[in-house]
Protein backbone atom coordinates (compact mmCIF):
# COMPACT_ATOMS: atom_id res chain seq x y z
CA MET A 1 0.00 0.00 0.00
CA ALA A 2 2.82 2.35 0.87
CA ILE A 3 4.45 1.66 -2.49
CA LEU A 4 1.16 2.32 -4.31
CA THR A 5 0.68 5.57 -2.40
CA ALA A 6 4.19 6.68 -3.23
CA ALA A 7 3.66 5.84 -6.91
CA LEU A 8 0.43 7.80 -7.00
CA GLY A 9 2.17 10.69 -5.32
CA ASP A 10 4.95 10.62 -7.92
CA ALA A 11 2.36 10.48 -10.71
CA GLY A 12 0.57 13.47 -9.25
CA LEU A 13 3.85 15.36 -8.99
CA GLY A 14 4.67 14.50 -12.61
CA ALA A 15 1.27 15.72 -13.77
CA ARG A 16 1.79 18.99 -11.88
CA HIS A 17 5.19 19.43 -13.53
CA VAL A 18 3.66 18.87 -16.97
CA ALA A 19 0.87 21.33 -16.19
CA LEU A 20 3.42 23.85 -14.94
CA ALA A 21 5.53 23.44 -18.07
CA ILE A 22 2.48 23.93 -20.28
CA GLY A 23 1.51 26.99 -18.27
CA VAL A 24 4.99 28.48 -18.60
CA LEU A 25 4.94 27.81 -22.36
CA LEU A 26 1.54 29.44 -22.78
CA ALA A 27 2.62 32.41 -20.68
CA SER A 28 5.74 32.80 -22.86
CA VAL A 29 3.69 32.69 -26.06
CA ILE A 30 1.15 35.19 -24.72
CA THR A 31 3.92 37.48 -23.48
CA HIS A 32 5.60 37.34 -26.89
CA TYR A 33 2.39 38.25 -28.72
CA ILE A 34 1.61 41.09 -26.33
CA HIS A 35 5.13 42.51 -26.54
CA ARG A 36 5.27 42.18 -30.31
CA GLY A 37 1.78 43.65 -30.56
CA TYR A 38 2.90 46.73 -28.62
CA GLN A 39 5.92 47.12 -30.93
CA VAL A 40 3.76 46.89 -34.06
CA ARG A 41 1.11 49.30 -32.79
CA LYS A 42 3.81 51.77 -31.77
CA MET A 43 5.35 51.61 -35.26
CA LEU A 44 2.04 52.87 -36.68
CA LYS A 45 1.54 55.48 -33.99
CA ASP A 46 5.04 56.86 -34.56
CA LEU A 47 4.33 57.19 -38.28
CA GLU A 48 1.09 58.99 -37.49
CA LYS A 49 2.99 61.49 -35.33
CA GLN A 50 5.28 62.18 -38.28
CA GLY A 51 2.28 63.18 -40.41
CA ILE A 52 2.32 60.01 -42.53
CA PRO A 53 -1.23 59.21 -43.78
CA ILE A 54 -2.56 56.25 -41.77
CA MET A 55 -6.02 54.65 -41.77
CA LYS A 56 -7.89 54.94 -38.47
CA HIS A 57 -5.73 52.96 -36.06
CA SER A 58 -6.39 51.50 -32.62
CA TRP A 59 -3.91 50.58 -29.90
CA ILE A 60 -6.03 47.50 -29.19
CA LEU A 61 -7.15 46.31 -32.64
CA GLY A 62 -4.78 48.05 -35.01
CA HIS A 63 -6.57 47.93 -38.38
CA LEU A 64 -8.49 44.73 -37.65
CA GLU A 65 -11.79 46.56 -37.21
CA ILE A 66 -11.43 48.24 -40.64
CA VAL A 67 -10.38 44.96 -42.25
CA GLY A 68 -13.39 43.19 -40.74
CA LYS A 69 -15.79 45.79 -42.12
CA LEU A 70 -14.24 45.69 -45.60
CA LEU A 71 -14.39 41.90 -45.79
CA LYS A 72 -17.73 41.35 -44.05
CA ASN A 73 -19.57 40.61 -47.31
CA TYR A 74 -16.84 38.34 -48.67
CA PRO A 75 -16.78 34.55 -48.23
CA SER A 76 -14.80 33.36 -45.22
CA ASP A 77 -12.43 31.41 -47.47
CA ALA A 78 -11.78 34.31 -49.88
CA HIS A 79 -8.06 34.94 -50.19
CA GLY A 80 -6.50 37.97 -48.52
CA ASN A 81 -5.48 39.15 -51.98
CA TYR A 82 -8.87 40.92 -52.18
CA LEU A 83 -8.24 43.19 -49.19
CA PRO A 84 -5.84 45.65 -50.90
CA ILE A 85 -8.30 46.01 -53.79
CA LEU A 86 -11.03 47.03 -51.36
CA ILE A 87 -8.70 49.51 -49.67
CA LEU A 88 -7.74 51.05 -53.02
CA GLU A 89 -11.39 51.28 -54.08
CA ASN A 90 -12.40 52.93 -50.78
CA TRP A 91 -9.34 55.06 -50.08
CA ARG A 92 -11.32 58.31 -49.81
CA GLU A 93 -13.42 56.94 -46.94
CA LEU A 94 -10.42 55.25 -45.30
CA PHE A 95 -8.20 58.34 -45.55
CA PRO A 96 -10.67 61.21 -44.98
CA GLN A 97 -7.76 63.48 -44.03
CA CYS A 98 -6.21 63.14 -47.50
CA LYS A 99 -7.05 65.12 -50.62
CA ASP A 100 -4.95 62.82 -52.83
CA ARG A 101 -4.57 59.06 -52.68
CA PRO A 102 -1.63 58.19 -50.38
CA PRO A 103 1.20 56.55 -52.31
CA VAL A 104 1.81 54.04 -49.52
CA LEU A 105 -0.50 51.97 -47.32
CA TYR A 106 0.68 50.95 -43.85
CA LEU A 107 -1.38 47.98 -42.66
CA ASP A 108 -1.45 46.60 -39.11
CA MET A 109 -3.29 43.29 -38.76
CA TRP A 110 -1.25 41.92 -35.86
CA PRO A 111 -1.50 39.21 -34.51
CA PHE A 112 -2.83 37.75 -37.81
CA ALA A 113 -0.07 39.14 -40.05
CA GLN A 114 3.21 41.01 -39.84
CA PRO A 115 3.02 44.78 -40.34
CA MET A 116 2.86 45.44 -44.06
CA ILE A 117 3.56 48.23 -46.52
CA LEU A 118 1.70 48.20 -49.85
CA PRO A 119 2.04 50.67 -52.74
CA LEU A 120 -1.22 52.37 -53.70
CA LEU A 121 0.47 54.03 -56.69
CA LEU A 122 2.34 52.12 -59.41
CA PRO A 123 5.60 54.16 -59.32
CA VAL A 124 6.06 53.16 -55.68
CA ALA A 125 6.01 49.45 -56.59
CA VAL A 126 8.73 50.20 -59.15
CA GLN A 127 10.94 51.74 -56.45
CA PHE A 128 11.52 48.57 -54.40
CA THR A 129 11.40 45.96 -57.17
CA GLN A 130 13.06 47.65 -60.16
CA ASP A 131 14.86 50.86 -59.18
CA TYR A 132 16.17 49.02 -56.13
CA SER A 133 15.41 45.39 -55.33
CA LEU A 134 14.68 44.73 -51.66
CA ILE A 135 15.48 41.17 -50.63
CA LYS A 136 12.67 38.64 -50.25
CA ALA A 137 10.69 38.71 -47.01
CA HIS A 138 11.26 35.98 -44.43
CA GLN A 139 7.58 35.08 -44.76
CA GLN A 140 7.90 34.32 -48.47
CA LYS A 141 10.85 32.03 -47.81
CA GLU A 142 9.02 30.29 -44.96
CA VAL A 143 6.26 29.33 -47.39
CA LEU A 144 8.73 27.49 -49.61
CA TYR A 145 10.88 25.96 -46.86
CA PRO A 146 8.91 22.69 -46.43
CA LEU A 147 9.23 22.01 -50.16
CA THR A 148 12.73 23.29 -50.97
CA LYS A 149 14.54 23.90 -47.66
CA ASN A 150 15.20 27.28 -49.32
CA ARG A 151 17.78 25.67 -51.63
CA ASP A 152 16.04 27.29 -54.59
CA ILE A 153 16.52 30.26 -56.86
CA SER A 154 13.47 32.06 -55.47
CA SER A 155 14.84 31.98 -51.90
CA MET A 156 18.50 32.64 -52.72
CA GLU A 157 19.94 36.13 -52.30
CA GLY A 158 23.01 38.11 -53.27
CA PRO A 159 25.91 36.53 -55.17
CA GLU A 160 24.48 33.00 -54.83
CA TRP A 161 21.22 34.06 -56.51
CA LYS A 162 23.07 35.93 -59.29
CA VAL A 163 25.21 32.91 -60.07
CA TRP A 164 22.29 30.49 -60.20
CA LYS A 165 20.09 32.83 -62.23
CA LYS A 166 22.90 33.13 -64.78
CA ARG A 167 23.24 29.33 -64.88
CA LEU A 168 19.55 28.52 -65.21
CA SER A 169 18.40 31.43 -67.40
CA PRO A 170 19.60 29.91 -70.71
CA GLY A 171 17.36 26.92 -70.07
CA PHE A 172 14.36 29.25 -69.82
CA SER A 173 15.12 31.40 -72.87
CA ASN A 174 12.52 31.78 -75.62
CA GLN A 175 14.75 29.88 -78.03
CA THR A 176 15.27 26.94 -75.67
CA ILE A 177 11.60 26.69 -74.70
CA THR A 178 10.46 26.86 -78.34
CA SER A 179 12.88 24.05 -79.19
CA ARG A 180 11.34 21.92 -76.42
CA ILE A 181 7.72 22.34 -77.59
CA PRO A 182 7.60 19.05 -79.57
CA ASP A 183 8.71 17.20 -76.43
CA LEU A 184 6.38 19.06 -74.06
CA LEU A 185 3.35 18.50 -76.31
CA ASP A 186 3.39 14.85 -75.21
CA GLU A 187 2.28 16.05 -71.77
CA VAL A 188 -0.29 18.61 -72.96
CA ASP A 189 -1.96 15.95 -75.12
CA LYS A 190 -3.01 14.21 -71.89
CA PHE A 191 -4.80 17.28 -70.53
CA TYR A 192 -8.59 17.13 -70.27
CA ALA A 193 -10.07 19.02 -67.27
CA LEU A 194 -9.54 21.88 -64.86
CA GLU A 195 -7.71 22.78 -61.66
CA LYS A 196 -6.88 19.31 -60.36
CA HIS A 197 -5.90 18.32 -63.86
CA THR A 198 -4.16 21.60 -64.68
CA THR A 199 -2.08 21.08 -61.55
CA LYS A 200 -1.19 17.57 -62.74
CA LEU A 201 -0.39 18.98 -66.17
CA ALA A 202 1.84 21.68 -64.70
CA MET A 203 3.82 19.07 -62.77
CA ASP A 204 4.12 16.81 -65.84
CA ILE A 205 5.46 19.75 -67.86
CA ILE A 206 8.01 20.69 -65.18
CA PHE A 207 9.16 17.07 -64.82
CA ARG A 208 9.59 16.71 -68.59
CA PHE A 209 11.17 20.15 -69.01
CA PHE A 210 13.58 19.71 -66.12
CA PHE A 211 14.70 16.15 -66.83
CA GLY A 212 14.12 15.63 -70.56
CA LYS A 213 12.31 12.73 -72.17
CA ARG A 214 14.69 9.88 -71.29
CA ILE A 215 15.11 10.64 -67.58
CA HIS A 216 11.44 11.58 -67.26
CA ALA A 217 10.57 8.09 -68.47
CA GLN A 218 12.79 6.64 -65.75
CA LEU A 219 10.81 8.62 -63.17
CA ALA A 220 7.49 7.12 -64.29
CA SER A 221 7.29 4.53 -61.52
CA ALA A 222 7.99 7.10 -58.81
CA GLN A 223 6.06 10.05 -60.29
CA ALA A 224 2.71 9.31 -58.61
CA ALA A 225 4.34 9.25 -55.17
CA LEU A 226 6.35 12.38 -55.99
CA GLU A 227 3.25 14.26 -57.15
CA HIS A 228 1.34 13.25 -54.02
CA ALA A 229 4.25 14.37 -51.82
CA VAL A 230 4.44 17.75 -53.57
CA MET A 231 0.69 18.38 -53.50
CA ASP A 232 0.38 17.29 -49.86
CA THR A 233 3.20 19.71 -48.98
CA VAL A 234 1.59 22.58 -50.91
CA LYS A 235 -1.71 21.88 -49.13
CA ARG A 236 0.04 22.22 -45.76
CA MET A 237 1.95 25.40 -46.58
CA VAL A 238 1.22 28.36 -44.31
CA PHE A 239 1.33 31.76 -45.98
CA PHE A 240 1.46 33.85 -42.80
CA HIS A 241 2.36 32.43 -39.40
CA HIS A 242 0.07 33.98 -36.79
CA ILE A 243 -1.86 33.29 -33.62
CA GLY A 244 -4.83 31.97 -35.57
CA ASN A 245 -2.87 29.11 -37.14
CA PHE A 246 -0.34 28.55 -34.34
CA ILE A 247 -1.73 25.11 -33.44
CA GLN A 248 -2.05 24.10 -37.10
CA GLU A 249 1.52 25.17 -37.85
CA HIS A 250 3.02 23.34 -34.86
CA ASN A 251 0.83 20.25 -35.14
CA PRO A 252 3.22 17.24 -34.82
CA TYR A 253 1.31 15.38 -37.52
CA ARG A 254 1.78 18.28 -39.97
CA LYS A 255 5.51 18.32 -39.25
CA PHE A 256 5.68 14.55 -39.71
CA ARG A 257 3.88 14.75 -43.07
CA LEU A 258 6.18 17.52 -44.30
CA TRP A 259 9.23 15.52 -43.22
CA LYS A 260 7.91 12.37 -44.90
CA ASN A 261 7.02 14.24 -48.10
CA TYR A 262 10.51 15.69 -48.34
CA ARG A 263 12.04 12.24 -47.79
CA THR A 264 9.80 10.93 -50.59
CA MET A 265 11.14 13.63 -52.90
CA LEU A 266 14.75 12.80 -52.01
CA SER A 267 14.26 9.07 -52.50
CA GLY A 268 12.21 9.54 -55.69
CA PHE A 269 14.49 12.01 -57.46
CA GLY A 270 17.71 10.64 -55.96
CA PRO A 271 18.43 7.63 -58.20
CA VAL A 272 17.95 9.44 -61.53
CA LEU A 273 19.84 12.50 -60.33
CA GLN A 274 22.74 10.40 -59.09
CA GLN A 275 22.78 8.43 -62.34
CA ARG A 276 22.87 11.61 -64.42
CA LEU A 277 25.57 13.06 -62.16
CA GLY A 278 27.67 9.96 -62.81
CA GLU A 279 27.10 10.14 -66.57
CA LEU A 280 28.18 13.77 -66.76
CA THR A 281 31.27 13.40 -64.59
CA THR A 282 32.78 10.19 -65.94
CA ASP A 283 35.49 12.23 -67.65
CA GLU A 284 35.98 14.29 -64.49
CA LYS A 285 34.38 17.34 -66.14
CA PRO A 286 30.64 17.75 -66.85
CA ARG A 287 29.55 18.03 -70.46
CA ALA A 288 26.28 19.92 -69.94
CA LYS A 289 25.50 22.87 -72.21
CA ALA A 290 22.92 25.64 -71.97
CA THR A 291 20.76 23.85 -74.53
CA ASP A 292 20.65 20.63 -72.51
CA THR A 293 18.06 19.86 -69.84
CA LEU A 294 17.88 21.94 -66.70
CA VAL A 295 19.07 19.05 -64.56
CA ASP A 296 22.25 19.02 -66.65
CA ALA A 297 22.71 22.75 -66.13
CA LEU A 298 22.12 22.22 -62.42
CA ILE A 299 24.78 19.51 -62.25
CA GLN A 300 27.18 21.73 -64.19
CA GLY A 301 26.64 24.51 -61.64
CA VAL A 302 27.16 22.23 -58.66
CA MET A 303 30.38 20.88 -60.16
CA GLU A 304 31.65 24.43 -60.75
CA ASP A 305 30.90 25.28 -57.12
CA ARG A 306 32.66 22.12 -55.97
CA GLU A 307 35.77 22.92 -57.99
CA ALA A 308 35.79 26.43 -56.55
CA GLY A 309 35.38 25.03 -53.02
CA LEU A 310 32.13 26.96 -52.53
CA VAL A 311 29.86 24.05 -51.59
CA ASN A 312 29.95 20.75 -49.75
CA THR A 313 31.29 18.07 -52.06
CA SER A 314 28.92 15.38 -50.77
CA ASP A 315 26.29 13.83 -52.98
CA SER A 316 23.63 14.60 -50.38
CA ASP A 317 24.38 18.31 -50.71
CA PHE A 318 23.96 18.08 -54.48
CA LEU A 319 20.71 16.16 -54.04
CA GLY A 320 19.32 18.74 -51.61
CA LEU A 321 20.09 21.58 -54.00
CA ALA A 322 18.65 19.73 -56.98
CA VAL A 323 15.43 18.85 -55.16
CA GLY A 324 15.14 22.43 -53.94
CA GLN A 325 15.35 23.86 -57.44
CA ILE A 326 12.92 21.27 -58.82
CA GLY A 327 10.53 21.92 -55.94
CA THR A 328 10.29 25.66 -56.51
CA PHE A 329 9.50 25.21 -60.22
CA ILE A 330 6.84 22.62 -59.43
CA PHE A 331 5.34 25.00 -56.87
CA ALA A 332 5.40 27.84 -59.41
CA GLY A 333 3.61 25.59 -61.88
CA HIS A 334 0.96 24.83 -59.28
CA ASP A 335 0.69 28.36 -57.91
CA THR A 336 0.75 30.25 -61.20
CA THR A 337 0.29 28.14 -64.30
CA ALA A 338 -2.45 25.77 -63.16
CA SER A 339 -4.62 28.55 -61.77
CA ALA A 340 -3.94 30.80 -64.77
CA ILE A 341 -5.18 28.11 -67.17
CA CYS A 342 -8.41 27.86 -65.16
CA TRP A 343 -8.95 31.61 -65.17
CA VAL A 344 -8.32 31.92 -68.91
CA LEU A 345 -10.79 29.13 -69.71
CA HIS A 346 -13.36 30.55 -67.29
CA LEU A 347 -13.16 34.05 -68.77
CA LEU A 348 -13.38 32.69 -72.31
CA SER A 349 -16.52 30.76 -71.38
CA LYS A 350 -18.04 34.05 -70.14
CA HIS A 351 -16.97 36.00 -73.24
CA PRO A 352 -17.95 33.98 -76.33
CA ASP A 353 -17.00 36.83 -78.67
CA VAL A 354 -13.40 36.65 -77.44
CA LEU A 355 -13.45 32.85 -77.67
CA ARG A 356 -14.54 33.07 -81.31
CA LYS A 357 -11.59 35.35 -82.10
CA VAL A 358 -9.15 32.98 -80.39
CA ARG A 359 -10.50 30.00 -82.33
CA ALA A 360 -10.29 31.98 -85.56
CA GLU A 361 -6.64 32.80 -84.86
CA HIS A 362 -5.90 29.12 -84.19
CA ASP A 363 -7.55 28.19 -87.51
CA ALA A 364 -5.48 30.79 -89.33
CA VAL A 365 -2.14 29.93 -87.72
CA LEU A 366 -2.41 26.19 -87.05
CA GLY A 367 -4.79 25.13 -89.80
CA SER A 368 -8.49 24.35 -89.76
CA ASP A 369 -8.06 20.76 -88.50
CA ALA A 370 -8.15 21.16 -84.72
CA ALA A 371 -7.14 17.52 -84.18
CA ALA A 372 -3.89 18.16 -86.07
CA ALA A 373 -2.78 21.14 -83.93
CA ALA A 374 -0.27 19.09 -81.93
CA SER A 375 1.29 17.67 -85.10
CA VAL A 376 1.54 21.15 -86.63
CA LEU A 377 3.29 22.52 -83.54
CA ARG A 378 5.65 19.56 -83.40
CA SER A 379 6.78 20.21 -86.94
CA ARG A 380 6.79 24.01 -86.61
CA PRO A 381 7.08 24.93 -82.90
CA GLU A 382 7.84 28.56 -83.75
CA LEU A 383 4.16 28.99 -84.68
CA ILE A 384 3.36 29.22 -80.98
CA ASN A 385 4.80 32.76 -81.13
CA ALA A 386 2.36 33.69 -83.92
CA LEU A 387 -0.65 33.31 -81.59
CA VAL A 388 -0.64 37.04 -80.87
CA TYR A 389 -4.31 37.45 -79.93
CA THR A 390 -4.13 34.34 -77.72
CA ASN A 391 -1.19 35.92 -75.93
CA ALA A 392 -3.22 39.11 -75.37
CA VAL A 393 -6.11 37.04 -73.96
CA MET A 394 -3.75 35.36 -71.52
CA LYS A 395 -2.25 38.64 -70.34
CA GLU A 396 -5.67 40.21 -69.86
CA ALA A 397 -6.87 37.16 -67.89
CA MET A 398 -3.77 37.44 -65.70
CA ARG A 399 -4.53 41.12 -65.14
CA VAL A 400 -8.12 40.40 -64.13
CA HIS A 401 -7.11 37.49 -61.87
CA THR A 402 -3.62 38.00 -60.47
CA ASN A 403 -1.65 35.79 -58.09
CA VAL A 404 -0.12 36.99 -54.83
CA GLY A 405 2.95 38.77 -56.17
CA THR A 406 6.17 39.33 -54.27
CA MET A 407 6.88 40.24 -50.66
CA ARG A 408 10.10 42.01 -49.74
CA ARG A 409 11.86 42.81 -46.49
CA GLY A 410 12.19 46.38 -45.25
CA GLU A 411 15.74 47.59 -44.62
CA PRO A 412 17.11 50.04 -42.02
CA GLY A 413 17.13 53.52 -43.48
CA PHE A 414 15.14 52.57 -46.59
CA TYR A 415 12.41 54.95 -47.75
CA LEU A 416 9.76 54.94 -50.43
CA THR A 417 9.23 58.33 -52.06
CA GLY A 418 6.05 60.07 -53.14
CA PRO A 419 6.03 60.18 -56.99
CA ALA A 420 5.97 63.45 -58.91
CA GLY A 421 2.44 64.74 -59.46
CA SER A 422 0.96 62.54 -56.73
CA GLY A 423 0.36 65.35 -54.26
CA TYR A 424 3.11 63.80 -52.11
CA ASP A 425 6.04 64.76 -54.35
CA GLY A 426 9.30 63.82 -52.65
CA VAL A 427 7.67 62.85 -49.35
CA LYS A 428 9.61 60.02 -47.68
CA PHE A 429 7.71 57.01 -46.39
CA PRO A 430 9.82 54.84 -44.04
CA ALA A 431 10.12 51.18 -45.07
CA GLY A 432 12.65 50.03 -42.52
CA GLU A 433 13.35 46.84 -40.64
CA GLY A 434 10.31 44.95 -39.38
CA TRP A 435 8.06 45.73 -42.35
CA VAL A 436 6.93 43.32 -45.03
CA VAL A 437 6.78 45.29 -48.29
CA TRP A 438 4.20 43.66 -50.57
CA ASP A 439 4.02 44.75 -54.22
CA ASN A 440 0.18 44.77 -54.29
CA THR A 441 0.01 43.66 -57.93
CA PHE A 442 -3.61 42.45 -57.89
CA ALA A 443 -4.86 45.85 -56.73
CA LEU A 444 -2.63 47.76 -59.14
CA HIS A 445 -3.93 45.58 -61.98
CA ARG A 446 -7.41 46.81 -61.09
CA ASP A 447 -6.59 50.48 -60.57
CA PRO A 448 -9.01 52.58 -62.68
CA GLU A 449 -6.46 55.39 -62.86
CA LEU A 450 -4.07 53.06 -64.69
CA TRP A 451 -6.39 50.89 -66.76
CA LEU A 452 -9.22 52.26 -68.91
CA ARG A 453 -12.45 50.24 -68.48
CA VAL A 454 -10.64 48.39 -65.74
CA HIS A 455 -13.45 45.96 -64.84
CA GLU A 456 -13.95 44.77 -68.42
CA PHE A 457 -12.22 41.82 -70.05
CA LEU A 458 -10.57 43.48 -73.05
CA PRO A 459 -7.63 41.55 -74.53
CA GLU A 460 -7.34 44.15 -77.30
CA ARG A 461 -5.64 46.53 -74.86
CA PHE A 462 -2.49 44.37 -75.14
CA LEU A 463 -2.46 44.69 -78.94
CA ILE A 464 -2.25 48.49 -78.92
CA THR A 465 1.23 49.79 -79.79
CA ASP A 466 0.50 53.54 -79.65
CA GLU A 467 1.61 54.65 -76.19
CA GLY A 468 -0.58 57.74 -76.55
CA ASP A 469 -3.73 55.63 -76.79
CA PRO A 470 -5.67 55.70 -73.46
CA MET A 471 -6.16 51.93 -73.77
CA HIS A 472 -2.42 51.23 -74.02
CA PRO A 473 -1.20 49.34 -70.92
CA PRO A 474 0.70 51.66 -68.57
CA LYS A 475 4.48 51.41 -68.44
CA ASN A 476 5.47 48.84 -65.79
CA GLY A 477 1.76 48.26 -65.24
CA TRP A 478 1.46 44.56 -66.14
CA ARG A 479 3.34 42.80 -63.36
CA PHE A 480 1.95 39.26 -63.24
CA PHE A 481 5.44 37.72 -63.26
CA GLU A 482 6.95 40.67 -61.40
CA LEU A 483 9.38 43.15 -62.96
CA GLY A 484 12.97 43.92 -62.13
CA PRO A 485 15.93 41.62 -61.47
CA ARG A 486 13.84 39.18 -59.37
CA ASN A 487 11.19 38.63 -62.03
CA CYS A 488 10.02 35.06 -62.62
CA ILE A 489 12.69 33.07 -64.43
CA GLY A 490 10.08 30.60 -65.70
CA GLN A 491 7.60 33.09 -67.15
CA HIS A 492 8.28 32.15 -70.80
CA LEU A 493 7.73 28.48 -70.00
CA ALA A 494 4.46 29.30 -68.23
CA MET A 495 3.18 31.37 -71.16
CA VAL A 496 4.12 28.69 -73.71
CA GLU A 497 2.50 25.98 -71.60
CA ILE A 498 -0.78 27.91 -71.38
CA LYS A 499 -0.72 28.64 -75.13
CA MET A 500 -0.19 24.96 -75.89
CA VAL A 501 -3.17 24.02 -73.72
CA LEU A 502 -5.39 26.60 -75.41
CA ALA A 503 -4.21 25.58 -78.88
CA LEU A 504 -5.04 21.92 -78.26
CA VAL A 505 -8.25 22.37 -76.26
CA LEU A 506 -10.30 25.36 -77.36
CA ARG A 507 -11.34 24.13 -80.80
CA ARG A 508 -12.04 20.60 -79.64
CA MET A 509 -13.97 21.26 -76.43
CA ASP A 510 -16.56 23.57 -74.91
CA ILE A 511 -15.87 24.24 -71.24
CA GLU A 512 -18.25 25.89 -68.79
CA VAL A 513 -18.67 25.90 -65.01
CA ALA A 514 -21.04 23.32 -63.52
CA TRP A 515 -22.19 24.75 -60.21
CA GLU A 516 -25.69 23.24 -60.35
CA GLU A 517 -24.36 19.69 -60.46
CA TRP A 518 -21.69 20.56 -57.87
CA ASP A 519 -24.32 21.91 -55.47
CA ALA A 520 -26.64 18.96 -56.08
CA GLU A 521 -23.91 16.42 -55.30
CA ARG A 522 -23.15 18.16 -52.01
CA GLY A 523 -26.68 18.90 -50.90
CA LEU A 524 -26.21 22.64 -51.38
CA LYS A 525 -28.98 23.21 -53.92
CA GLY A 526 -31.24 26.09 -52.91
CA LYS A 527 -28.73 27.45 -50.39
CA LYS A 528 -27.01 30.80 -50.82
CA ALA A 529 -23.69 30.17 -52.51
CA PRO A 530 -20.53 32.19 -51.74
CA SER A 531 -19.32 34.47 -54.51
CA VAL A 532 -17.00 37.40 -55.22
CA TRP A 533 -17.93 40.09 -57.73
CA GLY A 534 -21.02 38.03 -58.53
CA ASP A 535 -18.95 35.00 -59.58
CA ARG A 536 -18.82 31.60 -57.87
CA CYS A 537 -15.25 31.27 -59.13
CA TYR A 538 -12.94 33.32 -56.90
CA HIS A 539 -9.52 33.20 -55.27
CA ALA A 540 -9.88 30.95 -52.21
CA GLY A 541 -7.40 30.04 -49.47
CA ALA A 542 -7.12 31.68 -46.08
CA ASP A 543 -3.56 30.86 -45.00
CA SER A 544 -2.31 29.22 -48.20
CA PRO A 545 -1.47 30.33 -51.74
CA PRO A 546 -4.68 31.19 -53.64
CA HIS A 547 -6.51 28.61 -55.73
CA VAL A 548 -9.74 28.65 -57.73
CA LYS A 549 -12.76 27.99 -55.51
CA ASP A 550 -13.63 24.27 -55.28
CA ASN A 551 -11.11 23.51 -58.06
CA MET A 552 -13.62 25.01 -60.53
CA PRO A 553 -16.11 22.22 -61.40
CA VAL A 554 -16.89 22.21 -65.12
CA HIS A 555 -18.82 20.63 -67.97
CA ILE A 556 -16.56 19.54 -70.82
CA ARG A 557 -18.24 18.76 -74.13
CA LEU A 558 -16.51 17.62 -77.30
CA ARG A 559 -17.28 19.98 -80.17
CA GLN A 560 -18.64 18.60 -83.43
């Protein structure tokens, strides 16, 4: 009995220690959030004292009350990308003290986001991405870390980034991509539906483009597992780390899945990468050229770094770098290309007059036999560049529905400056340490002061060459792939991929959304459906990269 009593006493003591440890941890977390909250609120208050235009700001809620009011009529899963658009549209009410639109928006949504700076005028976006390129924000790198461990060109900075951009850029040139069209068409020929399938298509294209036909075939047995690992990782990515997703982010099961997915990528890509490494180094020097596959260019770069003593010479280091670079391009294909294909097809289904013009261009350039389009492009891949109106349609769709853009890191002593003629000429707006500087591309793409008939879908605006024409796109205005030195290295591949899909699909299929069937299958018929701008298709995703709502259910009918 005495032993049992002692054991129970020890158990009770252990439970109290656990409870105490949990209490200390919670107290530490709460203290951190309170202290950081005070710092963030004070940053805004200090700016206000300097006469910088600030929206109504509270010591307790920051801008959360304003944000809540702006988003109250939006679906709960609508992406945060819509918020800056609402602020730009309502700036007069939000800045009643200002006669002219402020060039810079300071936004405090702590503890749900880091303090942010967003340009409300286009020239301000140019200042920190083109005139001077601020380095990527920590938050943007944290998004990619589970997939790439930040061993990727998007996360790299300084000399390392410059070297790798120089190495990889030839593989993404117009000439190289055009030469690869016959090979890539094998993947596009398999395409037949929307976001889930466009995501699969994007990954197939990246795999084929990165590895080439022979190595891609060797990956066939592992590709399903690799695709599942990538998609499961993307699904678990957290865009902003905040108090609302603290438990989700630190969930042990999430961490286990991310670890397992990365191991799957290493084990899946490893054998073919190691084999190719051996093939290219049998004569002690790699034989890769700019026109070879990207994996060859990657191996060439690693070998150069090894010879210069700049990197670890182990094979595991090479494998980590290779998987990191592959991972970021797969993510870009998912994040940008797959969604862009959906938006283009959706907008074409809503604008039959534009669709007719696209089909007419395909008849004129590729021949009247729609079933032969792939064969025509295989024999004459340069014809993809003759689809001028199709290209304009794509750019207009990307303007109307834009992805997140780029986030940069404020630097000590860095300022944004009021543009000439803005009413804030030469005024300095601090963008120092602690701020996330977001380029706000979606809102700038929908700025009525930049784009005539901004809410209309008008591909013709991208065919106008006269800069004096009011419809001509503004200089630096179209920023879907970002501008400046950190622009998207894979943008030509993305545009060619989308063109290939449109060239092979539009004349053979009619595609339209199928919400009635979707609602019926899920017992939602008769219930009020969420929408944005009167459309059931909208950018969804609270803490993740945006995707098309419900993967965009569609009817697909073969055309006679």
